[in-house]
């Protein structure tokens, strides 16, 4: 897939925020002991990441927690860790 159409990060917290804001997760790649979260690139991602780092986002806590658990589990599966 075209690199410009994807946004990748190793940061699970940013990934949780993107997933909670309905940015499509394309896949999780393995990089040894870490997962790399690959999202469909959208115009909103840079704004969302900026708002995340500036503490300007308002998200449903339950949605964030549920997405964190799901992404953590998927990342462990992607790297072959069976915790």
N, C-alpha and C. Protein backbone atom coordinates (compact mmCIF):
# COMPACT_ATOMS: atom_id res chain seq x y z
N UNK A 1 0.85 -1.17 0.00
CA UNK A 1 0.00 0.00 0.00
C UNK A 1 0.89 1.24 0.00
N UNK A 2 0.46 2.29 -0.59
CA UNK A 2 1.18 3.55 -0.66
C UNK A 2 1.46 4.09 0.74
N UNK A 3 2.74 4.41 1.03
CA UNK A 3 3.12 4.90 2.34
C UNK A 3 2.34 6.16 2.73
N UNK A 4 2.01 7.02 1.77
CA UNK A 4 1.28 8.24 2.07
C UNK A 4 -0.15 7.97 2.50
N UNK A 5 -0.64 6.79 2.24
CA UNK A 5 -2.00 6.47 2.63
C UNK A 5 -2.05 5.77 3.99
N UNK A 6 -0.88 5.69 4.66
CA UNK A 6 -0.81 5.04 5.96
C UNK A 6 -0.11 5.93 6.99
N UNK A 7 -0.52 5.77 8.22
CA UNK A 7 0.12 6.45 9.35
C UNK A 7 0.53 5.36 10.33
N UNK A 8 1.82 5.30 10.66
CA UNK A 8 2.34 4.26 11.55
C UNK A 8 2.86 4.88 12.84
N UNK A 9 2.67 4.14 13.95
CA UNK A 9 3.20 4.56 15.24
C UNK A 9 3.43 3.34 16.11
N UNK A 10 4.41 3.43 17.00
CA UNK A 10 4.63 2.39 18.00
C UNK A 10 3.95 2.76 19.32
N UNK A 11 3.43 3.97 19.40
CA UNK A 11 2.84 4.49 20.63
C UNK A 11 1.41 3.96 20.81
N UNK A 12 1.23 3.09 21.79
CA UNK A 12 -0.09 2.49 21.99
C UNK A 12 -1.11 3.53 22.44
N UNK A 13 -0.66 4.56 23.15
CA UNK A 13 -1.61 5.57 23.63
C UNK A 13 -2.16 6.41 22.48
N UNK A 14 -1.30 6.82 21.56
CA UNK A 14 -1.78 7.53 20.37
C UNK A 14 -2.68 6.60 19.56
N UNK A 15 -2.29 5.34 19.47
CA UNK A 15 -3.10 4.36 18.73
C UNK A 15 -4.49 4.22 19.33
N UNK A 16 -4.56 4.18 20.65
CA UNK A 16 -5.85 4.09 21.33
C UNK A 16 -6.71 5.31 21.02
N UNK A 17 -6.10 6.49 21.03
CA UNK A 17 -6.84 7.72 20.72
C UNK A 17 -7.35 7.67 19.29
N UNK A 18 -6.49 7.30 18.34
CA UNK A 18 -6.92 7.24 16.94
C UNK A 18 -8.06 6.24 16.76
N UNK A 19 -7.93 5.06 17.38
CA UNK A 19 -8.98 4.04 17.28
C UNK A 19 -10.27 4.55 17.92
N UNK A 20 -10.15 5.25 19.04
CA UNK A 20 -11.33 5.78 19.74
C UNK A 20 -12.03 6.86 18.93
N UNK A 21 -11.29 7.50 18.04
CA UNK A 21 -11.87 8.53 17.17
C UNK A 21 -12.18 7.99 15.77
N UNK A 22 -12.28 6.66 15.68
CA UNK A 22 -12.74 5.96 14.47
C UNK A 22 -11.80 6.09 13.27
N UNK A 23 -10.49 6.26 13.52
CA UNK A 23 -9.52 6.19 12.43
C UNK A 23 -9.29 4.71 12.17
N UNK A 24 -9.46 4.24 10.93
CA UNK A 24 -9.36 2.81 10.65
C UNK A 24 -7.96 2.25 10.88
N UNK A 25 -7.89 1.20 11.71
CA UNK A 25 -6.66 0.46 11.92
C UNK A 25 -6.53 -0.57 10.80
N UNK A 26 -5.45 -0.49 10.02
CA UNK A 26 -5.25 -1.40 8.90
C UNK A 26 -4.62 -2.71 9.34
N UNK A 27 -3.61 -2.60 10.22
CA UNK A 27 -2.92 -3.81 10.69
C UNK A 27 -1.97 -3.43 11.81
N UNK A 28 -1.46 -4.48 12.47
CA UNK A 28 -0.40 -4.30 13.45
C UNK A 28 0.76 -5.15 12.98
N UNK A 29 1.90 -4.52 12.77
CA UNK A 29 3.10 -5.21 12.30
C UNK A 29 4.00 -5.52 13.48
N UNK A 30 4.81 -6.55 13.32
CA UNK A 30 5.78 -6.90 14.35
C UNK A 30 7.12 -6.27 14.04
N UNK A 31 7.73 -5.70 15.07
CA UNK A 31 9.08 -5.15 14.96
C UNK A 31 9.88 -5.74 16.11
N UNK A 32 10.08 -7.04 16.07
CA UNK A 32 10.76 -7.71 17.18
C UNK A 32 9.86 -7.80 18.38
N UNK A 33 10.17 -7.03 19.41
CA UNK A 33 9.39 -7.07 20.64
C UNK A 33 8.33 -5.99 20.72
N UNK A 34 8.16 -5.23 19.65
CA UNK A 34 7.16 -4.16 19.65
C UNK A 34 6.20 -4.32 18.48
N UNK A 35 4.99 -3.85 18.69
CA UNK A 35 4.03 -3.79 17.61
C UNK A 35 4.03 -2.40 16.99
N UNK A 36 3.83 -2.35 15.70
CA UNK A 36 3.69 -1.08 15.00
C UNK A 36 2.26 -1.00 14.51
N UNK A 37 1.54 0.01 14.96
CA UNK A 37 0.14 0.19 14.60
C UNK A 37 0.08 0.99 13.31
N UNK A 38 -0.60 0.45 12.32
CA UNK A 38 -0.69 1.09 11.01
C UNK A 38 -2.15 1.46 10.76
N UNK A 39 -2.39 2.75 10.63
CA UNK A 39 -3.72 3.28 10.42
C UNK A 39 -3.86 3.83 9.00
N UNK A 40 -5.09 3.89 8.53
CA UNK A 40 -5.35 4.56 7.27
C UNK A 40 -5.11 6.05 7.50
N UNK A 41 -4.30 6.64 6.64
CA UNK A 41 -3.98 8.06 6.79
C UNK A 41 -5.21 8.90 6.45
N UNK A 42 -5.47 9.88 7.28
CA UNK A 42 -6.55 10.83 7.03
C UNK A 42 -6.02 12.23 7.32
N UNK A 43 -6.73 13.22 6.84
CA UNK A 43 -6.35 14.60 7.10
C UNK A 43 -6.43 14.93 8.59
N UNK A 44 -7.24 14.20 9.33
CA UNK A 44 -7.47 14.51 10.74
C UNK A 44 -6.36 14.02 11.66
N UNK A 45 -5.52 13.10 11.22
CA UNK A 45 -4.55 12.48 12.13
C UNK A 45 -3.59 13.49 12.75
N UNK A 46 -2.99 14.35 11.95
CA UNK A 46 -2.04 15.31 12.51
C UNK A 46 -2.71 16.23 13.53
N UNK A 47 -3.94 16.63 13.27
CA UNK A 47 -4.69 17.47 14.21
C UNK A 47 -4.97 16.70 15.50
N UNK A 48 -5.36 15.44 15.37
CA UNK A 48 -5.65 14.61 16.54
C UNK A 48 -4.39 14.41 17.38
N UNK A 49 -3.27 14.10 16.73
CA UNK A 49 -2.02 13.90 17.46
C UNK A 49 -1.61 15.18 18.19
N UNK A 50 -1.76 16.31 17.52
CA UNK A 50 -1.45 17.60 18.14
C UNK A 50 -2.35 17.85 19.35
N UNK A 51 -3.63 17.59 19.20
CA UNK A 51 -4.56 17.77 20.31
C UNK A 51 -4.24 16.82 21.46
N UNK A 52 -3.81 15.61 21.13
CA UNK A 52 -3.42 14.63 22.15
C UNK A 52 -2.27 15.19 22.99
N UNK A 53 -1.22 15.65 22.33
CA UNK A 53 -0.05 16.14 23.06
C UNK A 53 -0.32 17.45 23.78
N UNK A 54 -1.29 18.21 23.34
CA UNK A 54 -1.64 19.47 24.00
C UNK A 54 -2.74 19.31 25.06
N UNK A 55 -3.20 18.08 25.27
CA UNK A 55 -4.21 17.82 26.27
C UNK A 55 -5.57 18.41 25.95
N UNK A 56 -5.90 18.48 24.66
CA UNK A 56 -7.13 19.14 24.23
C UNK A 56 -8.24 18.17 23.84
N UNK A 57 -8.03 16.87 23.97
CA UNK A 57 -9.04 15.90 23.53
C UNK A 57 -10.01 15.56 24.66
N UNK A 58 -11.23 15.32 24.29
CA UNK A 58 -12.26 14.84 25.21
C UNK A 58 -12.77 13.53 24.64
N UNK A 59 -12.51 12.44 25.37
CA UNK A 59 -12.92 11.12 24.91
C UNK A 59 -13.69 10.39 25.99
N UNK A 60 -14.54 9.48 25.57
CA UNK A 60 -15.28 8.65 26.50
C UNK A 60 -14.30 7.69 27.18
N UNK A 61 -14.18 7.73 28.50
CA UNK A 61 -13.22 6.87 29.19
C UNK A 61 -13.42 5.38 28.94
N UNK A 62 -14.65 4.95 28.86
CA UNK A 62 -14.93 3.53 28.62
C UNK A 62 -14.44 3.10 27.24
N UNK A 63 -14.66 3.95 26.24
CA UNK A 63 -14.19 3.67 24.89
C UNK A 63 -12.67 3.57 24.85
N UNK A 64 -12.01 4.51 25.54
CA UNK A 64 -10.54 4.51 25.59
C UNK A 64 -10.04 3.22 26.25
N UNK A 65 -10.60 2.86 27.38
CA UNK A 65 -10.16 1.67 28.10
C UNK A 65 -10.39 0.41 27.27
N UNK A 66 -11.56 0.28 26.66
CA UNK A 66 -11.87 -0.89 25.84
C UNK A 66 -10.91 -0.99 24.64
N UNK A 67 -10.63 0.14 24.00
CA UNK A 67 -9.71 0.13 22.86
C UNK A 67 -8.28 -0.17 23.30
N UNK A 68 -7.88 0.32 24.48
CA UNK A 68 -6.54 0.03 24.99
C UNK A 68 -6.37 -1.47 25.22
N UNK A 69 -7.36 -2.11 25.85
CA UNK A 69 -7.29 -3.56 26.08
C UNK A 69 -7.22 -4.32 24.77
N UNK A 70 -8.04 -3.93 23.81
CA UNK A 70 -8.08 -4.63 22.52
C UNK A 70 -6.77 -4.46 21.76
N UNK A 71 -6.24 -3.24 21.69
CA UNK A 71 -5.00 -3.01 20.95
C UNK A 71 -3.81 -3.67 21.62
N UNK A 72 -3.78 -3.67 22.94
CA UNK A 72 -2.70 -4.34 23.66
C UNK A 72 -2.70 -5.83 23.35
N UNK A 73 -3.87 -6.43 23.37
CA UNK A 73 -4.00 -7.85 23.06
C UNK A 73 -3.57 -8.14 21.62
N UNK A 74 -4.01 -7.30 20.68
CA UNK A 74 -3.65 -7.49 19.28
C UNK A 74 -2.15 -7.30 19.07
N UNK A 75 -1.54 -6.35 19.77
CA UNK A 75 -0.10 -6.12 19.63
C UNK A 75 0.68 -7.32 20.14
N UNK A 76 0.28 -7.87 21.29
CA UNK A 76 0.96 -9.06 21.80
C UNK A 76 0.83 -10.22 20.83
N UNK A 77 -0.33 -10.37 20.22
CA UNK A 77 -0.52 -11.44 19.23
C UNK A 77 0.36 -11.23 18.01
N UNK A 78 0.49 -9.97 17.58
CA UNK A 78 1.29 -9.66 16.39
C UNK A 78 2.77 -9.97 16.60
N UNK A 79 3.26 -9.78 17.83
CA UNK A 79 4.68 -10.05 18.08
C UNK A 79 4.93 -11.45 18.61
N UNK A 80 3.86 -12.23 18.72
CA UNK A 80 4.00 -13.62 19.17
C UNK A 80 4.16 -13.79 20.66
N UNK A 81 3.74 -12.81 21.44
CA UNK A 81 3.80 -12.87 22.90
C UNK A 81 2.43 -13.38 23.38
N UNK A 82 2.43 -14.45 24.16
CA UNK A 82 1.17 -15.07 24.57
C UNK A 82 0.77 -14.72 26.00
N UNK A 83 1.10 -13.53 26.45
CA UNK A 83 0.73 -13.12 27.82
C UNK A 83 -0.74 -13.21 28.05
